[in-house]
Amino acid sequence: MKTPTPNVEPGQVWADNDRRSAGRKVRVVEVGATHATVELVDQRGRPARGHEAQQQAEPGRRTRIRLDRFRPTSTGYRLVSDGAK
């Protein structure tokens, strides 16, 4: 039996499984009908700045990810932390 993928909720931290983005983690800021708005975070779960923000054009920049990518596949995301509730 497959383990169900958790619902995507604000405050959660997800890690990118794509080996081209090794170590990349994002925090969910907002969830819409088809996409989640996320921000890149550092290893401690804080918004990435400077050299830690390699995947961003500018620090603090947010991006959107389709909700169907939040699943543990080789190009998806895996849940790291539920965040503060």
PDB file of N, CA and C in Angstrom:
ATOM      1  N   MET A   1       0.832  -1.184   0.000  1.00  0.00           N
ATOM      2  CA  MET A   1       0.000   0.000   0.000  1.00  0.00           C
ATOM      3  C   MET A   1       0.879   1.251   0.000  1.00  0.00           C
ATOM      4  N   LYS A   2       0.542   2.198  -0.844  1.00  0.00           N
ATOM      5  CA  LYS A   2       1.299   3.431  -0.964  1.00  0.00           C
ATOM      6  C   LYS A   2       1.040   4.363   0.211  1.00  0.00           C
ATOM      7  N   THR A   3       2.091   5.061   0.660  1.00  0.00           N
ATOM      8  CA  THR A   3       1.930   6.077   1.691  1.00  0.00           C
ATOM      9  C   THR A   3       1.372   7.327   1.024  1.00  0.00           C
ATOM     10  N   PRO A   4       0.279   7.882   1.531  1.00  0.00           N
ATOM     11  CA  PRO A   4      -0.300   9.055   0.887  1.00  0.00           C
ATOM     12  C   PRO A   4       0.610  10.281   1.029  1.00  0.00           C
ATOM     13  N   THR A   5       0.619  11.100  -0.002  1.00  0.00           N
ATOM     14  CA  THR A   5       1.380  12.342   0.030  1.00  0.00           C
ATOM     15  C   THR A   5       0.601  13.342   0.880  1.00  0.00           C
ATOM     16  N   PRO A   6       1.270  14.013   1.832  1.00  0.00           N
ATOM     17  CA  PRO A   6       0.562  14.971   2.681  1.00  0.00           C
ATOM     18  C   PRO A   6       0.031  16.156   1.878  1.00  0.00           C
ATOM     19  N   ASN A   7      -1.018  16.770   2.390  1.00  0.00           N
ATOM     20  CA  ASN A   7      -1.549  17.980   1.769  1.00  0.00           C
ATOM     21  C   ASN A   7      -0.524  19.095   1.897  1.00  0.00           C
ATOM     22  N   VAL A   8      -0.446  19.926   0.875  1.00  0.00           N
ATOM     23  CA  VAL A   8       0.468  21.069   0.879  1.00  0.00           C
ATOM     24  C   VAL A   8      -0.196  22.191   1.657  1.00  0.00           C
ATOM     25  N   GLU A   9       0.500  22.696   2.702  1.00  0.00           N
ATOM     26  CA  GLU A   9      -0.057  23.743   3.553  1.00  0.00           C
ATOM     27  C   GLU A   9       0.993  24.811   3.835  1.00  0.00           C
ATOM     28  N   PRO A  10       0.560  26.056   4.042  1.00  0.00           N
ATOM     29  CA  PRO A  10       1.509  27.122   4.366  1.00  0.00           C
ATOM     30  C   PRO A  10       2.333  26.785   5.609  1.00  0.00           C
ATOM     31  N   GLY A  11       3.622  27.143   5.561  1.00  0.00           N
ATOM     32  CA  GLY A  11       4.533  26.906   6.674  1.00  0.00           C
ATOM     33  C   GLY A  11       5.354  25.634   6.521  1.00  0.00           C
ATOM     34  N   GLN A  12       4.914  24.713   5.660  1.00  0.00           N
ATOM     35  CA  GLN A  12       5.660  23.475   5.461  1.00  0.00           C
ATOM     36  C   GLN A  12       6.959  23.757   4.704  1.00  0.00           C
ATOM     37  N   VAL A  13       7.980  22.935   4.979  1.00  0.00           N
ATOM     38  CA  VAL A  13       9.236  23.005   4.243  1.00  0.00           C
ATOM     39  C   VAL A  13       9.362  21.709   3.441  1.00  0.00           C
ATOM     40  N   TRP A  14       9.639  21.850   2.148  1.00  0.00           N
ATOM     41  CA  TRP A  14       9.772  20.719   1.235  1.00  0.00           C
ATOM     42  C   TRP A  14      11.165  20.767   0.609  1.00  0.00           C
ATOM     43  N   ALA A  15      11.770  19.592   0.385  1.00  0.00           N
ATOM     44  CA  ALA A  15      13.078  19.488  -0.258  1.00  0.00           C
ATOM     45  C   ALA A  15      12.895  19.043  -1.703  1.00  0.00           C
ATOM     46  N   ASP A  16      13.672  19.633  -2.592  1.00  0.00           N
ATOM     47  CA  ASP A  16      13.637  19.285  -4.009  1.00  0.00           C
ATOM     48  C   ASP A  16      14.375  17.967  -4.209  1.00  0.00           C
ATOM     49  N   ASN A  17      13.737  16.972  -4.819  1.00  0.00           N
ATOM     50  CA  ASN A  17      14.362  15.673  -5.067  1.00  0.00           C
ATOM     51  C   ASN A  17      15.237  15.645  -6.314  1.00  0.00           C
ATOM     52  N   ASP A  18      15.112  16.633  -7.181  1.00  0.00           N
ATOM     53  CA  ASP A  18      15.877  16.659  -8.423  1.00  0.00           C
ATOM     54  C   ASP A  18      17.359  16.816  -8.097  1.00  0.00           C
ATOM     55  N   ARG A  19      18.188  15.888  -8.554  1.00  0.00           N
ATOM     56  CA  ARG A  19      19.611  15.941  -8.205  1.00  0.00           C
ATOM     57  C   ARG A  19      20.312  17.167  -8.771  1.00  0.00           C
ATOM     58  N   ARG A  20      19.733  17.816  -9.766  1.00  0.00           N
ATOM     59  CA  ARG A  20      20.309  19.065 -10.289  1.00  0.00           C
ATOM     60  C   ARG A  20      20.137  20.209  -9.301  1.00  0.00           C
ATOM     61  N   SER A  21      19.216  20.049  -8.351  1.00  0.00           N
ATOM     62  CA  SER A  21      18.947  21.071  -7.337  1.00  0.00           C
ATOM     63  C   SER A  21      19.224  20.531  -5.943  1.00  0.00           C
ATOM     64  N   ALA A  22      20.256  19.722  -5.812  1.00  0.00           N
ATOM     65  CA  ALA A  22      20.573  19.069  -4.537  1.00  0.00           C
ATOM     66  C   ALA A  22      20.660  20.078  -3.399  1.00  0.00           C
ATOM     67  N   GLY A  23      19.956  19.788  -2.306  1.00  0.00           N
ATOM     68  CA  GLY A  23      19.988  20.657  -1.132  1.00  0.00           C
ATOM     69  C   GLY A  23      18.986  21.794  -1.150  1.00  0.00           C
ATOM     70  N   ARG A  24      18.276  21.990  -2.251  1.00  0.00           N
ATOM     71  CA  ARG A  24      17.318  23.098  -2.345  1.00  0.00           C
ATOM     72  C   ARG A  24      16.079  22.771  -1.514  1.00  0.00           C
ATOM     73  N   LYS A  25      15.708  23.717  -0.654  1.00  0.00           N
ATOM     74  CA  LYS A  25      14.494  23.571   0.151  1.00  0.00           C
ATOM     75  C   LYS A  25      13.648  24.817  -0.014  1.00  0.00           C
ATOM     76  N   VAL A  26      12.327  24.615   0.032  1.00  0.00           N
ATOM     77  CA  VAL A  26      11.399  25.736  -0.106  1.00  0.00           C
ATOM     78  C   VAL A  26      10.371  25.685   1.015  1.00  0.00           C
ATOM     79  N   ARG A  27       9.913  26.862   1.436  1.00  0.00           N
ATOM     80  CA  ARG A  27       8.828  26.966   2.415  1.00  0.00           C
ATOM     81  C   ARG A  27       7.590  27.430   1.677  1.00  0.00           C
ATOM     82  N   VAL A  28       6.469  26.768   1.946  1.00  0.00           N
ATOM     83  CA  VAL A  28       5.194  27.123   1.326  1.00  0.00           C
ATOM     84  C   VAL A  28       4.668  28.380   2.009  1.00  0.00           C
ATOM     85  N   VAL A  29       4.376  29.396   1.211  1.00  0.00           N
ATOM     86  CA  VAL A  29       3.862  30.669   1.713  1.00  0.00           C
ATOM     87  C   VAL A  29       2.352  30.731   1.555  1.00  0.00           C
ATOM     88  N   GLU A  30       1.876  30.210   0.418  1.00  0.00           N
ATOM     89  CA  GLU A  30       0.449  30.295   0.102  1.00  0.00           C
ATOM     90  C   GLU A  30       0.083  29.133  -0.821  1.00  0.00           C
ATOM     91  N   VAL A  31      -1.137  28.637  -0.702  1.00  0.00           N
ATOM     92  CA  VAL A  31      -1.600  27.543  -1.554  1.00  0.00           C
ATOM     93  C   VAL A  31      -2.861  27.979  -2.289  1.00  0.00           C
ATOM     94  N   GLY A  32      -2.831  27.832  -3.611  1.00  0.00           N
ATOM     95  CA  GLY A  32      -3.995  28.148  -4.431  1.00  0.00           C
ATOM     96  C   GLY A  32      -4.634  26.872  -4.947  1.00  0.00           C
ATOM     97  N   ALA A  33      -5.488  26.992  -5.935  1.00  0.00           N
ATOM     98  CA  ALA A  33      -6.196  25.833  -6.481  1.00  0.00           C
ATOM     99  C   ALA A  33      -5.266  24.876  -7.220  1.00  0.00           C
ATOM    100  N   THR A  34      -4.261  25.404  -7.931  1.00  0.00           N
ATOM    101  CA  THR A  34      -3.381  24.553  -8.736  1.00  0.00           C
ATOM    102  C   THR A  34      -1.893  24.706  -8.419  1.00  0.00           C
ATOM    103  N   HIS A  35      -1.514  25.797  -7.736  1.00  0.00           N
ATOM    104  CA  HIS A  35      -0.110  26.086  -7.465  1.00  0.00           C
ATOM    105  C   HIS A  35       0.100  26.506  -6.010  1.00  0.00           C
ATOM    106  N   ALA A  36       1.334  26.321  -5.541  1.00  0.00           N
ATOM    107  CA  ALA A  36       1.740  26.828  -4.230  1.00  0.00           C
ATOM    108  C   ALA A  36       2.790  27.911  -4.462  1.00  0.00           C
ATOM    109  N   THR A  37       2.699  28.984  -3.713  1.00  0.00           N
ATOM    110  CA  THR A  37       3.722  30.018  -3.739  1.00  0.00           C
ATOM    111  C   THR A  37       4.732  29.651  -2.668  1.00  0.00           C
ATOM    112  N   VAL A  38       6.023  29.618  -3.050  1.00  0.00           N
ATOM    113  CA  VAL A  38       7.077  29.194  -2.133  1.00  0.00           C
ATOM    114  C   VAL A  38       8.221  30.193  -2.139  1.00  0.00           C
ATOM    115  N   GLU A  39       9.051  30.122  -1.074  1.00  0.00           N
ATOM    116  CA  GLU A  39      10.284  30.893  -1.043  1.00  0.00           C
ATOM    117  C   GLU A  39      11.416  29.945  -0.676  1.00  0.00           C
ATOM    118  N   LEU A  40      12.579  30.175  -1.285  1.00  0.00           N
ATOM    119  CA  LEU A  40      13.738  29.353  -1.012  1.00  0.00           C
ATOM    120  C   LEU A  40      14.202  29.609   0.414  1.00  0.00           C
ATOM    121  N   VAL A  41      14.541  28.539   1.146  1.00  0.00           N
ATOM    122  CA  VAL A  41      15.020  28.679   2.527  1.00  0.00           C
ATOM    123  C   VAL A  41      16.387  28.027   2.662  1.00  0.00           C
ATOM    124  N   ASP A  42      17.134  28.437   3.691  1.00  0.00           N
ATOM    125  CA  ASP A  42      18.439  27.843   3.944  1.00  0.00           C
ATOM    126  C   ASP A  42      18.282  26.573   4.771  1.00  0.00           C
ATOM    127  N   GLN A  43      19.386  25.978   5.181  1.00  0.00           N
ATOM    128  CA  GLN A  43      19.351  24.715   5.915  1.00  0.00           C
ATOM    129  C   GLN A  43      18.631  24.821   7.254  1.00  0.00           C
ATOM    130  N   ARG A  44      18.532  26.021   7.811  1.00  0.00           N
ATOM    131  CA  ARG A  44      17.852  26.228   9.094  1.00  0.00           C
ATOM    132  C   ARG A  44      16.394  26.620   8.914  1.00  0.00           C
ATOM    133  N   GLY A  45      15.927  26.676   7.664  1.00  0.00           N
ATOM    134  CA  GLY A  45      14.534  27.001   7.409  1.00  0.00           C
ATOM    135  C   GLY A  45      14.245  28.484   7.302  1.00  0.00           C
ATOM    136  N   ARG A  46      15.315  29.313   7.227  1.00  0.00           N
ATOM    137  CA  ARG A  46      15.135  30.758   7.085  1.00  0.00           C
ATOM    138  C   ARG A  46      15.206  31.131   5.610  1.00  0.00           C
ATOM    139  N   PRO A  47      14.577  32.239   5.209  1.00  0.00           N
ATOM    140  CA  PRO A  47      14.680  32.654   3.811  1.00  0.00           C
ATOM    141  C   PRO A  47      16.141  32.783   3.405  1.00  0.00           C
ATOM    142  N   ALA A  48      16.502  32.219   2.253  1.00  0.00           N
ATOM    143  CA  ALA A  48      17.886  32.229   1.793  1.00  0.00           C
ATOM    144  C   ALA A  48      18.304  33.620   1.356  1.00  0.00           C
ATOM    145  N   ARG A  49      19.554  33.933   1.623  1.00  0.00           N
ATOM    146  CA  ARG A  49      20.125  35.229   1.250  1.00  0.00           C
ATOM    147  C   ARG A  49      21.504  35.013   0.647  1.00  0.00           C
ATOM    148  N   GLY A  50      21.950  35.945  -0.177  1.00  0.00           N
ATOM    149  CA  GLY A  50      23.300  35.914  -0.714  1.00  0.00           C
ATOM    150  C   GLY A  50      23.624  34.643  -1.479  1.00  0.00           C
ATOM    151  N   HIS A  51      24.774  34.027  -1.170  1.00  0.00           N
ATOM    152  CA  HIS A  51      25.221  32.847  -1.918  1.00  0.00           C
ATOM    153  C   HIS A  51      24.303  31.649  -1.713  1.00  0.00           C
ATOM    154  N   GLU A  52      23.512  31.641  -0.625  1.00  0.00           N
ATOM    155  CA  GLU A  52      22.575  30.544  -0.387  1.00  0.00           C
ATOM    156  C   GLU A  52      21.363  30.627  -1.299  1.00  0.00           C
ATOM    157  N   ALA A  53      21.176  31.739  -1.941  1.00  0.00           N
ATOM    158  CA  ALA A  53      20.012  31.954  -2.801  1.00  0.00           C
ATOM    159  C   ALA A  53      20.351  31.679  -4.265  1.00  0.00           C
ATOM    160  N   GLN A  54      21.133  30.672  -4.521  1.00  0.00           N
ATOM    161  CA  GLN A  54      21.589  30.373  -5.877  1.00  0.00           C
ATOM    162  C   GLN A  54      20.447  30.164  -6.855  1.00  0.00           C
ATOM    163  N   GLN A  55      19.335  29.619  -6.405  1.00  0.00           N
ATOM    164  CA  GLN A  55      18.234  29.314  -7.302  1.00  0.00           C
ATOM    165  C   GLN A  55      17.324  30.514  -7.541  1.00  0.00           C
ATOM    166  N   GLN A  56      17.644  31.665  -6.968  1.00  0.00           N
ATOM    167  CA  GLN A  56      16.791  32.832  -7.097  1.00  0.00           C
ATOM    168  C   GLN A  56      17.497  33.951  -7.837  1.00  0.00           C
ATOM    169  N   ALA A  57      16.733  34.779  -8.520  1.00  0.00           N
ATOM    170  CA  ALA A  57      17.296  35.941  -9.178  1.00  0.00           C
ATOM    171  C   ALA A  57      17.667  37.000  -8.142  1.00  0.00           C
ATOM    172  N   GLU A  58      16.878  37.139  -7.099  1.00  0.00           N
ATOM    173  CA  GLU A  58      17.150  38.093  -6.035  1.00  0.00           C
ATOM    174  C   GLU A  58      16.650  37.523  -4.710  1.00  0.00           C
ATOM    175  N   PRO A  59      17.310  37.860  -3.600  1.00  0.00           N
ATOM    176  CA  PRO A  59      16.906  37.334  -2.285  1.00  0.00           C
ATOM    177  C   PRO A  59      15.451  37.673  -1.963  1.00  0.00           C
ATOM    178  N   GLY A  60      14.750  36.719  -1.376  1.00  0.00           N
ATOM    179  CA  GLY A  60      13.363  36.932  -0.989  1.00  0.00           C
ATOM    180  C   GLY A  60      12.361  36.734  -2.104  1.00  0.00           C
ATOM    181  N   ARG A  61      12.846  36.484  -3.305  1.00  0.00           N
ATOM    182  CA  ARG A  61      11.943  36.281  -4.437  1.00  0.00           C
ATOM    183  C   ARG A  61      11.125  35.011  -4.233  1.00  0.00           C
ATOM    184  N   ARG A  62       9.875  35.086  -4.562  1.00  0.00           N
ATOM    185  CA  ARG A  62       8.976  33.938  -4.442  1.00  0.00           C
ATOM    186  C   ARG A  62       8.691  33.383  -5.817  1.00  0.00           C
ATOM    187  N   THR A  63       8.343  32.102  -5.847  1.00  0.00           N
ATOM    188  CA  THR A  63       8.005  31.442  -7.100  1.00  0.00           C
ATOM    189  C   THR A  63       6.814  30.523  -6.874  1.00  0.00           C
ATOM    190  N   ARG A  64       6.235  30.039  -7.971  1.00  0.00           N
ATOM    191  CA  ARG A  64       5.074  29.147  -7.877  1.00  0.00           C
ATOM    192  C   ARG A  64       5.442  27.769  -8.392  1.00  0.00           C
ATOM    193  N   ILE A  65       4.914  26.742  -7.728  1.00  0.00           N
ATOM    194  CA  ILE A  65       5.145  25.353  -8.114  1.00  0.00           C
ATOM    195  C   ILE A  65       3.785  24.660  -8.192  1.00  0.00           C
ATOM    196  N   ARG A  66       3.574  23.892  -9.257  1.00  0.00           N
ATOM    197  CA  ARG A  66       2.321  23.134  -9.382  1.00  0.00           C
ATOM    198  C   ARG A  66       2.167  22.177  -8.214  1.00  0.00           C
ATOM    199  N   LEU A  67       0.970  22.045  -7.698  1.00  0.00           N
ATOM    200  CA  LEU A  67       0.711  21.180  -6.551  1.00  0.00           C
ATOM    201  C   LEU A  67       1.027  19.713  -6.832  1.00  0.00           C
ATOM    202  N   ASP A  68       0.880  19.278  -8.077  1.00  0.00           N
ATOM    203  CA  ASP A  68       1.152  17.867  -8.381  1.00  0.00           C
ATOM    204  C   ASP A  68       2.642  17.522  -8.341  1.00  0.00           C
ATOM    205  N   ARG A  69       3.513  18.514  -8.186  1.00  0.00           N
ATOM    206  CA  ARG A  69       4.954  18.259  -8.039  1.00  0.00           C
ATOM    207  C   ARG A  69       5.329  17.939  -6.600  1.00  0.00           C
ATOM    208  N   PHE A  70       4.430  18.176  -5.654  1.00  0.00           N
ATOM    209  CA  PHE A  70       4.704  17.898  -4.244  1.00  0.00           C
ATOM    210  C   PHE A  70       4.405  16.429  -3.953  1.00  0.00           C
ATOM    211  N   ARG A  71       5.287  15.580  -4.459  1.00  0.00           N
ATOM    212  CA  ARG A  71       5.206  14.136  -4.225  1.00  0.00           C
ATOM    213  C   ARG A  71       6.622  13.582  -4.347  1.00  0.00           C
ATOM    214  N   PRO A  72       6.896  12.495  -3.649  1.00  0.00           N
ATOM    215  CA  PRO A  72       8.278  11.994  -3.588  1.00  0.00           C
ATOM    216  C   PRO A  72       8.730  11.208  -4.821  1.00  0.00           C
ATOM    217  N   THR A  73       8.817  11.891  -5.964  1.00  0.00           N
ATOM    218  CA  THR A  73       9.364  11.278  -7.176  1.00  0.00           C
ATOM    219  C   THR A  73      10.741  11.884  -7.426  1.00  0.00           C
ATOM    220  N   SER A  74      11.443  11.402  -8.431  1.00  0.00           N
ATOM    221  CA  SER A  74      12.798  11.898  -8.688  1.00  0.00           C
ATOM    222  C   SER A  74      12.833  13.372  -9.082  1.00  0.00           C
ATOM    223  N   THR A  75      11.744  13.905  -9.611  1.00  0.00           N
ATOM    224  CA  THR A  75      11.704  15.323  -9.975  1.00  0.00           C
ATOM    225  C   THR A  75      10.680  16.094  -9.154  1.00  0.00           C
ATOM    226  N   GLY A  76      10.191  15.477  -8.082  1.00  0.00           N
ATOM    227  CA  GLY A  76       9.207  16.129  -7.226  1.00  0.00           C
ATOM    228  C   GLY A  76       9.843  16.678  -5.959  1.00  0.00           C
ATOM    229  N   TYR A  77       9.045  16.778  -4.925  1.00  0.00           N
ATOM    230  CA  TYR A  77       9.477  17.310  -3.636  1.00  0.00           C
ATOM    231  C   TYR A  77       9.063  16.351  -2.530  1.00  0.00           C
ATOM    232  N   ARG A  78       9.819  16.352  -1.430  1.00  0.00           N
ATOM    233  CA  ARG A  78       9.466  15.533  -0.268  1.00  0.00           C
ATOM    234  C   ARG A  78       9.312  16.451   0.933  1.00  0.00           C
ATOM    235  N   LEU A  79       8.362  16.134   1.801  1.00  0.00           N
ATOM    236  CA  LEU A  79       8.094  16.950   2.974  1.00  0.00           C
ATOM    237  C   LEU A  79       9.220  16.786   3.982  1.00  0.00           C
ATOM    238  N   VAL A  80       9.760  17.918   4.472  1.00  0.00           N
ATOM    239  CA  VAL A  80      10.844  17.928   5.435  1.00  0.00           C
ATOM    240  C   VAL A  80      10.311  18.321   6.812  1.00  0.00           C
ATOM    241  N   SER A  81       9.424  19.325   6.843  1.00  0.00           N
ATOM    242  CA  SER A  81       8.920  19.844   8.097  1.00  0.00           C
ATOM    243  C   SER A  81       7.502  20.372   7.926  1.00  0.00           C
ATOM    244  N   ASP A  82       6.652  20.078   8.914  1.00  0.00           N
ATOM    245  CA  ASP A  82       5.286  20.602   8.879  1.00  0.00           C
ATOM    246  C   ASP A  82       5.230  22.076   9.228  1.00  0.00           C
ATOM    247  N   GLY A  83       6.290  22.614   9.787  1.00  0.00           N
ATOM    248  CA  GLY A  83       6.317  24.016  10.167  1.00  0.00           C
ATOM    249  C   GLY A  83       5.551  24.244  11.451  1.00  0.00           C
ATOM    250  N   ALA A  84       5.574  25.483  11.895  1.00  0.00           N
ATOM    251  CA  ALA A  84       4.869  25.847  13.142  1.00  0.00           C
ATOM    252  C   ALA A  84       3.389  25.949  12.874  1.00  0.00           C
ATOM    253  N   LYS A  85       2.616  25.296  13.730  1.00  0.00           N
ATOM    254  CA  LYS A  85       1.157  25.354  13.560  1.00  0.00           C
ATOM    255  C   LYS A  85       0.530  26.065  14.710  1.00  0.00           C
TER     256      LYS A  85
END
